[in-house]
Amino acid sequence: MSNKVIHAIYNDDDVLMDAVKQTRAAHHHIEEIYTPFPVHGLDKAMGLAPTRIAICAFLYGLVGLSVATWMMNFIMIQDWPQDIGGKPSFNYIDNMPAFVPIMFELTVFFAAHLMVITFYMRSKLWPFKQAENPDVRTTDDHFLMEVGIHGNEEELISFFTSTGAVEVKVVDKH
């Protein structure tokens, strides 16, 4: 069984947004949209679920805060306590105000770096990965909507032509 899809190509983001709304209203499943730049509101128009990366950022920040607290307690209190400026560091609570900048920096460091790693893993962007862009024009000035065909090829071609697509083609997706 061949897995055919329609590639509807648009040259304006406003026309694309209207076409996405019409496509969803006609109950056609949009598999993917390729754009040369982020289009505001496209995720909502496609009906995509909101991202949970903010929850991950909070959890990663907590990991950073925990590592900072453990590290400063171990290094400055247990392993090598020092009398700095006449202030002995024999317990963590008395010295915590001096450790706040380090705690903040490690919280931000862990959250930022682990979010980037999570983003790359979630979107499957590995080093040296080949681009999966179906049409090179989508990196410049065109927008491509990919919709699966389920026995209604001629109907979809006329539908996308009526939505303002400058080019509609049927492609075998591997």
C-alpha atoms as a PDB file:
ATOM      1  CA  MET A   1       0.000   0.000   0.000  1.00  0.00           C
ATOM      2  CA  SER A   2       1.414   3.367  -0.985  1.00  0.00           C
ATOM      3  CA  ASN A   3       1.372   6.181   1.492  1.00  0.00           C
ATOM      4  CA  LYS A   4       0.400   9.179  -0.635  1.00  0.00           C
ATOM      5  CA  VAL A   5       0.206  12.728   0.655  1.00  0.00           C
ATOM      6  CA  ILE A   6      -0.803  16.058  -0.824  1.00  0.00           C
ATOM      7  CA  HIS A   7       1.725  18.883  -0.729  1.00  0.00           C
ATOM      8  CA  ALA A   8      -0.122  22.189  -0.901  1.00  0.00           C
ATOM      9  CA  ILE A   9       2.330  25.062  -1.306  1.00  0.00           C
ATOM     10  CA  TYR A  10       1.439  28.637  -0.335  1.00  0.00           C
ATOM     11  CA  ASN A  11       3.390  31.864  -0.748  1.00  0.00           C
ATOM     12  CA  ASP A  12       1.724  33.903   2.022  1.00  0.00           C
ATOM     13  CA  ASP A  13       1.408  33.087   5.719  1.00  0.00           C
ATOM     14  CA  ASP A  14      -2.055  34.664   6.008  1.00  0.00           C
ATOM     15  CA  VAL A  15      -3.340  32.520   3.142  1.00  0.00           C
ATOM     16  CA  LEU A  16      -1.758  29.498   4.860  1.00  0.00           C
ATOM     17  CA  MET A  17      -3.541  30.287   8.146  1.00  0.00           C
ATOM     18  CA  ASP A  18      -6.895  30.546   6.347  1.00  0.00           C
ATOM     19  CA  ALA A  19      -6.183  27.281   4.510  1.00  0.00           C
ATOM     20  CA  VAL A  20      -5.329  25.514   7.779  1.00  0.00           C
ATOM     21  CA  LYS A  21      -8.610  26.665   9.305  1.00  0.00           C
ATOM     22  CA  GLN A  22     -10.564  25.536   6.226  1.00  0.00           C
ATOM     23  CA  THR A  23      -8.749  22.190   6.182  1.00  0.00           C
ATOM     24  CA  ARG A  24      -9.530  21.529   9.843  1.00  0.00           C
ATOM     25  CA  ALA A  25     -13.153  22.595   9.290  1.00  0.00           C
ATOM     26  CA  ALA A  26     -13.366  20.086   6.402  1.00  0.00           C
ATOM     27  CA  HIS A  27     -12.031  17.374   8.789  1.00  0.00           C
ATOM     28  CA  HIS A  28      -8.869  16.609   6.819  1.00  0.00           C
ATOM     29  CA  HIS A  29      -5.860  15.497   8.871  1.00  0.00           C
ATOM     30  CA  ILE A  30      -2.856  17.821   8.555  1.00  0.00           C
ATOM     31  CA  GLU A  31       0.264  15.718   8.950  1.00  0.00           C
ATOM     32  CA  GLU A  32       2.852  18.498   8.932  1.00  0.00           C
ATOM     33  CA  ILE A  33       3.405  22.131   7.957  1.00  0.00           C
ATOM     34  CA  TYR A  34       6.799  23.450   6.843  1.00  0.00           C
ATOM     35  CA  THR A  35       7.426  27.194   7.131  1.00  0.00           C
ATOM     36  CA  PRO A  36      10.510  29.387   6.599  1.00  0.00           C
ATOM     37  CA  PHE A  37       9.804  31.257   9.851  1.00  0.00           C
ATOM     38  CA  PRO A  38       7.541  30.760  12.879  1.00  0.00           C
ATOM     39  CA  VAL A  39       3.924  31.666  12.114  1.00  0.00           C
ATOM     40  CA  HIS A  40       2.119  33.066  15.142  1.00  0.00           C
ATOM     41  CA  GLY A  41      -1.010  31.086  16.030  1.00  0.00           C
ATOM     42  CA  LEU A  42      -0.294  28.198  13.653  1.00  0.00           C
ATOM     43  CA  ASP A  43      -0.069  25.629  16.450  1.00  0.00           C
ATOM     44  CA  LYS A  44      -3.454  26.674  17.790  1.00  0.00           C
ATOM     45  CA  ALA A  45      -4.990  26.677  14.300  1.00  0.00           C
ATOM     46  CA  MET A  46      -3.652  23.147  13.737  1.00  0.00           C
ATOM     47  CA  GLY A  47      -5.131  22.003  17.047  1.00  0.00           C
ATOM     48  CA  LEU A  48      -1.806  20.971  18.565  1.00  0.00           C
ATOM     49  CA  ALA A  49      -1.654  20.345  22.309  1.00  0.00           C
ATOM     50  CA  PRO A  50       0.285  22.891  24.386  1.00  0.00           C
ATOM     51  CA  THR A  51       3.888  22.052  25.163  1.00  0.00           C
ATOM     52  CA  ARG A  52       5.025  20.813  28.562  1.00  0.00           C
ATOM     53  CA  ILE A  53       8.557  22.177  28.353  1.00  0.00           C
ATOM     54  CA  ALA A  54       7.830  24.708  31.131  1.00  0.00           C
ATOM     55  CA  ILE A  55       7.242  21.830  33.543  1.00  0.00           C
ATOM     56  CA  CYS A  56      10.560  20.327  32.464  1.00  0.00           C
ATOM     57  CA  ALA A  57      12.271  23.699  32.950  1.00  0.00           C
ATOM     58  CA  PHE A  58      10.955  23.910  36.516  1.00  0.00           C
ATOM     59  CA  LEU A  59      12.083  20.367  37.329  1.00  0.00           C
ATOM     60  CA  TYR A  60      15.506  20.977  35.765  1.00  0.00           C
ATOM     61  CA  GLY A  61      15.818  24.170  37.813  1.00  0.00           C
ATOM     62  CA  LEU A  62      15.084  22.181  40.972  1.00  0.00           C
ATOM     63  CA  VAL A  63      17.805  19.704  39.995  1.00  0.00           C
ATOM     64  CA  GLY A  64      20.234  22.614  39.547  1.00  0.00           C
ATOM     65  CA  LEU A  65      19.268  24.119  42.892  1.00  0.00           C
ATOM     66  CA  SER A  66      19.722  20.751  44.595  1.00  0.00           C
ATOM     67  CA  VAL A  67      23.121  20.181  42.991  1.00  0.00           C
ATOM     68  CA  ALA A  68      24.223  23.700  43.979  1.00  0.00           C
ATOM     69  CA  THR A  69      23.095  23.223  47.579  1.00  0.00           C
ATOM     70  CA  TRP A  70      24.741  19.818  47.885  1.00  0.00           C
ATOM     71  CA  MET A  71      27.928  21.010  46.183  1.00  0.00           C
ATOM     72  CA  MET A  72      28.359  24.125  48.328  1.00  0.00           C
ATOM     73  CA  ASN A  73      27.585  22.233  51.528  1.00  0.00           C
ATOM     74  CA  PHE A  74      30.079  19.518  50.671  1.00  0.00           C
ATOM     75  CA  ILE A  75      32.882  21.748  49.358  1.00  0.00           C
ATOM     76  CA  MET A  76      32.629  24.725  51.742  1.00  0.00           C
ATOM     77  CA  ILE A  77      31.370  23.064  54.942  1.00  0.00           C
ATOM     78  CA  GLN A  78      32.334  19.385  55.048  1.00  0.00           C
ATOM     79  CA  ASP A  79      35.350  18.837  52.798  1.00  0.00           C
ATOM     80  CA  TRP A  80      37.426  22.002  53.206  1.00  0.00           C
ATOM     81  CA  PRO A  81      35.987  24.498  55.711  1.00  0.00           C
ATOM     82  CA  GLN A  82      37.806  27.833  55.623  1.00  0.00           C
ATOM     83  CA  ASP A  83      37.825  30.962  57.736  1.00  0.00           C
ATOM     84  CA  ILE A  84      37.148  33.610  55.083  1.00  0.00           C
ATOM     85  CA  GLY A  85      37.223  37.212  56.311  1.00  0.00           C
ATOM     86  CA  GLY A  86      36.838  36.157  59.936  1.00  0.00           C
ATOM     87  CA  LYS A  87      33.608  34.286  59.187  1.00  0.00           C
ATOM     88  CA  PRO A  88      34.063  30.590  59.870  1.00  0.00           C
ATOM     89  CA  SER A  89      31.930  28.369  57.673  1.00  0.00           C
ATOM     90  CA  PHE A  90      31.068  25.587  60.062  1.00  0.00           C
ATOM     91  CA  ASN A  91      27.395  25.293  59.074  1.00  0.00           C
ATOM     92  CA  TYR A  92      25.478  25.837  55.878  1.00  0.00           C
ATOM     93  CA  ILE A  93      22.576  27.951  57.194  1.00  0.00           C
ATOM     94  CA  ASP A  94      24.804  30.743  58.531  1.00  0.00           C
ATOM     95  CA  ASN A  95      26.604  31.019  55.197  1.00  0.00           C
ATOM     96  CA  MET A  96      23.626  30.585  52.876  1.00  0.00           C
ATOM     97  CA  PRO A  97      23.288  34.319  51.981  1.00  0.00           C
ATOM     98  CA  ALA A  98      26.769  34.181  50.448  1.00  0.00           C
ATOM     99  CA  PHE A  99      25.753  31.125  48.416  1.00  0.00           C
ATOM    100  CA  VAL A 100      22.601  32.623  46.837  1.00  0.00           C
ATOM    101  CA  PRO A 101      24.328  33.834  43.625  1.00  0.00           C
ATOM    102  CA  ILE A 102      25.843  30.391  43.069  1.00  0.00           C
ATOM    103  CA  MET A 103      22.477  28.746  43.701  1.00  0.00           C
ATOM    104  CA  PHE A 104      20.802  31.078  41.194  1.00  0.00           C
ATOM    105  CA  GLU A 105      23.453  30.557  38.525  1.00  0.00           C
ATOM    106  CA  LEU A 106      23.390  26.769  38.766  1.00  0.00           C
ATOM    107  CA  THR A 107      19.588  26.756  38.702  1.00  0.00           C
ATOM    108  CA  VAL A 108      19.596  28.739  35.450  1.00  0.00           C
ATOM    109  CA  PHE A 109      22.515  26.717  34.037  1.00  0.00           C
ATOM    110  CA  PHE A 110      20.849  23.353  34.617  1.00  0.00           C
ATOM    111  CA  ALA A 111      17.429  24.531  33.406  1.00  0.00           C
ATOM    112  CA  ALA A 112      18.815  26.036  30.199  1.00  0.00           C
ATOM    113  CA  HIS A 113      21.141  23.221  29.221  1.00  0.00           C
ATOM    114  CA  LEU A 114      18.796  20.375  30.080  1.00  0.00           C
ATOM    115  CA  MET A 115      15.925  22.104  28.222  1.00  0.00           C
ATOM    116  CA  VAL A 116      18.058  22.311  25.076  1.00  0.00           C
ATOM    117  CA  ILE A 117      18.951  18.623  25.376  1.00  0.00           C
ATOM    118  CA  THR A 118      15.277  17.764  25.972  1.00  0.00           C
ATOM    119  CA  PHE A 119      14.221  19.813  22.944  1.00  0.00           C
ATOM    120  CA  TYR A 120      16.731  18.062  20.688  1.00  0.00           C
ATOM    121  CA  MET A 121      15.724  14.623  21.954  1.00  0.00           C
ATOM    122  CA  ARG A 122      11.993  15.357  21.696  1.00  0.00           C
ATOM    123  CA  SER A 123      12.249  16.747  18.170  1.00  0.00           C
ATOM    124  CA  LYS A 124      14.735  14.020  17.136  1.00  0.00           C
ATOM    125  CA  LEU A 125      17.383  16.502  16.045  1.00  0.00           C
ATOM    126  CA  TRP A 126      20.563  14.458  16.337  1.00  0.00           C
ATOM    127  CA  PRO A 127      24.024  15.574  15.256  1.00  0.00           C
ATOM    128  CA  PHE A 128      24.593  15.077  11.524  1.00  0.00           C
ATOM    129  CA  LYS A 129      20.907  14.306  10.927  1.00  0.00           C
ATOM    130  CA  GLN A 130      19.803  14.775   7.350  1.00  0.00           C
ATOM    131  CA  ALA A 131      17.131  17.410   6.758  1.00  0.00           C
ATOM    132  CA  GLU A 132      13.601  16.104   6.238  1.00  0.00           C
ATOM    133  CA  ASN A 133      12.432  19.103   4.284  1.00  0.00           C
ATOM    134  CA  PRO A 134      10.234  17.962   1.360  1.00  0.00           C
ATOM    135  CA  ASP A 135      10.652  21.160  -0.666  1.00  0.00           C
ATOM    136  CA  VAL A 136      13.688  23.434  -0.545  1.00  0.00           C
ATOM    137  CA  ARG A 137      11.513  26.536  -1.132  1.00  0.00           C
ATOM    138  CA  THR A 138      10.128  26.217   2.407  1.00  0.00           C
ATOM    139  CA  THR A 139      13.488  27.406   3.739  1.00  0.00           C
ATOM    140  CA  ASP A 140      13.182  30.602   1.727  1.00  0.00           C
ATOM    141  CA  ASP A 141       9.722  32.028   1.066  1.00  0.00           C
ATOM    142  CA  HIS A 142       7.071  29.291   0.651  1.00  0.00           C
ATOM    143  CA  PHE A 143       4.866  27.368   3.065  1.00  0.00           C
ATOM    144  CA  LEU A 144       3.981  23.694   2.630  1.00  0.00           C
ATOM    145  CA  MET A 145       1.023  21.841   4.137  1.00  0.00           C
ATOM    146  CA  GLU A 146       1.181  18.047   4.052  1.00  0.00           C
ATOM    147  CA  VAL A 147      -2.157  16.209   4.202  1.00  0.00           C
ATOM    148  CA  GLY A 148      -2.682  12.460   3.950  1.00  0.00           C
ATOM    149  CA  ILE A 149      -4.745  11.026   1.088  1.00  0.00           C
ATOM    150  CA  HIS A 150      -7.354   8.409   1.929  1.00  0.00           C
ATOM    151  CA  GLY A 151      -8.956   7.653  -1.426  1.00  0.00           C
ATOM    152  CA  ASN A 152     -10.037  11.245  -2.064  1.00  0.00           C
ATOM    153  CA  GLU A 153      -7.179  12.521  -4.210  1.00  0.00           C
ATOM    154  CA  GLU A 154      -9.134  14.561  -6.769  1.00  0.00           C
ATOM    155  CA  GLU A 155     -11.333  16.102  -4.071  1.00  0.00           C
ATOM    156  CA  LEU A 156      -8.274  17.192  -2.062  1.00  0.00           C
ATOM    157  CA  ILE A 157      -6.530  18.653  -5.096  1.00  0.00           C
ATOM    158  CA  SER A 158      -9.526  20.832  -5.957  1.00  0.00           C
ATOM    159  CA  PHE A 159     -10.014  21.705  -2.252  1.00  0.00           C
ATOM    160  CA  PHE A 160      -6.451  22.972  -1.805  1.00  0.00           C
ATOM    161  CA  THR A 161      -6.513  24.827  -5.103  1.00  0.00           C
ATOM    162  CA  SER A 162      -9.607  26.653  -3.841  1.00  0.00           C
ATOM    163  CA  THR A 163      -7.864  27.563  -0.552  1.00  0.00           C
ATOM    164  CA  GLY A 164      -5.258  29.617  -2.400  1.00  0.00           C
ATOM    165  CA  ALA A 165      -2.426  27.124  -2.883  1.00  0.00           C
ATOM    166  CA  VAL A 166      -0.036  28.184  -5.638  1.00  0.00           C
ATOM    167  CA  GLU A 167       0.938  24.560  -6.239  1.00  0.00           C
ATOM    168  CA  VAL A 168      -0.673  21.238  -5.303  1.00  0.00           C
ATOM    169  CA  LYS A 169       1.080  17.959  -5.905  1.00  0.00           C
ATOM    170  CA  VAL A 170       0.611  14.322  -4.922  1.00  0.00           C
ATOM    171  CA  VAL A 171       3.715  12.700  -3.464  1.00  0.00           C
ATOM    172  CA  ASP A 172       4.544   9.181  -2.287  1.00  0.00           C
ATOM    173  CA  LYS A 173       5.806   9.490   1.281  1.00  0.00           C
ATOM    174  CA  HIS A 174       8.348   6.873   2.215  1.00  0.00           C
END
